[in-house]
Amino acid sequence: MTSKELLYVEDALGHEKYFNTQCSETISRIQDNELRAFAQEIQRQHQQIFSDFYSLL
């Protein structure tokens, strides 16, 4: 992996970590169960993307 590719992966990991944190904070404030479940699915997807990028390392 080139240094430029590694920087891209590191940047992507940072973005996905941020999205995951934002989802967690939002989920804790949502009272509607259906909307909370939707936000939890989005968080799960971002966690999967993070794991996929991390596995490249």
C-alpha atoms as a PDB file:
ATOM      1  CA  MET A   1       0.000   0.000   0.000  1.00  0.00           C
ATOM      2  CA  THR A   2       1.430   3.379  -0.960  1.00  0.00           C
ATOM      3  CA  SER A   3       1.744   6.186   1.559  1.00  0.00           C
ATOM      4  CA  LYS A   4      -1.000   8.108  -0.248  1.00  0.00           C
ATOM      5  CA  GLU A   5      -3.343   5.121  -0.043  1.00  0.00           C
ATOM      6  CA  LEU A   6      -2.536   4.724   3.640  1.00  0.00           C
ATOM      7  CA  LEU A   7      -3.387   8.387   4.249  1.00  0.00           C
ATOM      8  CA  TYR A   8      -6.707   7.862   2.479  1.00  0.00           C
ATOM      9  CA  VAL A   9      -7.528   4.864   4.663  1.00  0.00           C
ATOM     10  CA  GLU A  10      -6.555   6.769   7.820  1.00  0.00           C
ATOM     11  CA  ASP A  11      -8.757   9.684   6.748  1.00  0.00           C
ATOM     12  CA  ALA A  12     -11.668   7.358   5.984  1.00  0.00           C
ATOM     13  CA  LEU A  13     -11.273   5.691   9.394  1.00  0.00           C
ATOM     14  CA  GLY A  14     -11.422   9.086  11.074  1.00  0.00           C
ATOM     15  CA  HIS A  15     -14.581  10.022   9.179  1.00  0.00           C
ATOM     16  CA  GLU A  16     -16.300   6.756  10.019  1.00  0.00           C
ATOM     17  CA  LYS A  17     -15.346   7.069  13.685  1.00  0.00           C
ATOM     18  CA  TYR A  18     -16.829  10.584  13.692  1.00  0.00           C
ATOM     19  CA  PHE A  19     -20.057   9.391  12.027  1.00  0.00           C
ATOM     20  CA  ASN A  20     -20.338   6.564  14.541  1.00  0.00           C
ATOM     21  CA  THR A  21     -19.926   9.006  17.446  1.00  0.00           C
ATOM     22  CA  GLN A  22     -22.523  11.343  15.982  1.00  0.00           C
ATOM     23  CA  CYS A  23     -24.961   8.469  15.532  1.00  0.00           C
ATOM     24  CA  SER A  24     -24.478   7.384  19.146  1.00  0.00           C
ATOM     25  CA  GLU A  25     -25.137  10.879  20.441  1.00  0.00           C
ATOM     26  CA  THR A  26     -28.204  11.242  18.253  1.00  0.00           C
ATOM     27  CA  ILE A  27     -29.597   7.817  19.178  1.00  0.00           C
ATOM     28  CA  SER A  28     -29.404   8.697  22.869  1.00  0.00           C
ATOM     29  CA  ARG A  29     -31.725  11.676  22.249  1.00  0.00           C
ATOM     30  CA  ILE A  30     -34.293   9.988  19.973  1.00  0.00           C
ATOM     31  CA  GLN A  31     -37.513   8.991  21.697  1.00  0.00           C
ATOM     32  CA  ASP A  32     -39.391   7.505  18.743  1.00  0.00           C
ATOM     33  CA  ASN A  33     -38.627   3.771  18.600  1.00  0.00           C
ATOM     34  CA  GLU A  34     -38.907   3.478  14.818  1.00  0.00           C
ATOM     35  CA  LEU A  35     -36.630   6.442  14.230  1.00  0.00           C
ATOM     36  CA  ARG A  36     -34.181   5.145  16.851  1.00  0.00           C
ATOM     37  CA  ALA A  37     -34.061   1.761  15.091  1.00  0.00           C
ATOM     38  CA  PHE A  38     -33.372   3.513  11.785  1.00  0.00           C
ATOM     39  CA  ALA A  39     -30.522   5.533  13.331  1.00  0.00           C
ATOM     40  CA  GLN A  40     -29.108   2.373  14.912  1.00  0.00           C
ATOM     41  CA  GLU A  41     -29.048   0.718  11.482  1.00  0.00           C
ATOM     42  CA  ILE A  42     -27.157   3.706  10.066  1.00  0.00           C
ATOM     43  CA  GLN A  43     -24.707   3.436  12.951  1.00  0.00           C
ATOM     44  CA  ARG A  44     -24.274  -0.284  12.282  1.00  0.00           C
ATOM     45  CA  GLN A  45     -23.512   0.452   8.638  1.00  0.00           C
ATOM     46  CA  HIS A  46     -20.869   3.026   9.583  1.00  0.00           C
ATOM     47  CA  GLN A  47     -19.343   0.556  12.042  1.00  0.00           C
ATOM     48  CA  GLN A  48     -19.172  -2.031   9.252  1.00  0.00           C
ATOM     49  CA  ILE A  49     -17.496   0.444   6.916  1.00  0.00           C
ATOM     50  CA  PHE A  50     -14.995   1.284   9.667  1.00  0.00           C
ATOM     51  CA  SER A  51     -14.260  -2.419  10.159  1.00  0.00           C
ATOM     52  CA  ASP A  52     -13.832  -2.950   6.413  1.00  0.00           C
ATOM     53  CA  PHE A  53     -11.357  -0.071   6.132  1.00  0.00           C
ATOM     54  CA  TYR A  54      -9.525  -1.176   9.276  1.00  0.00           C
ATOM     55  CA  SER A  55      -9.124  -4.673   7.883  1.00  0.00           C
ATOM     56  CA  LEU A  56      -7.165  -3.183   4.957  1.00  0.00           C
ATOM     57  CA  LEU A  57      -4.388  -2.372   7.380  1.00  0.00           C
END
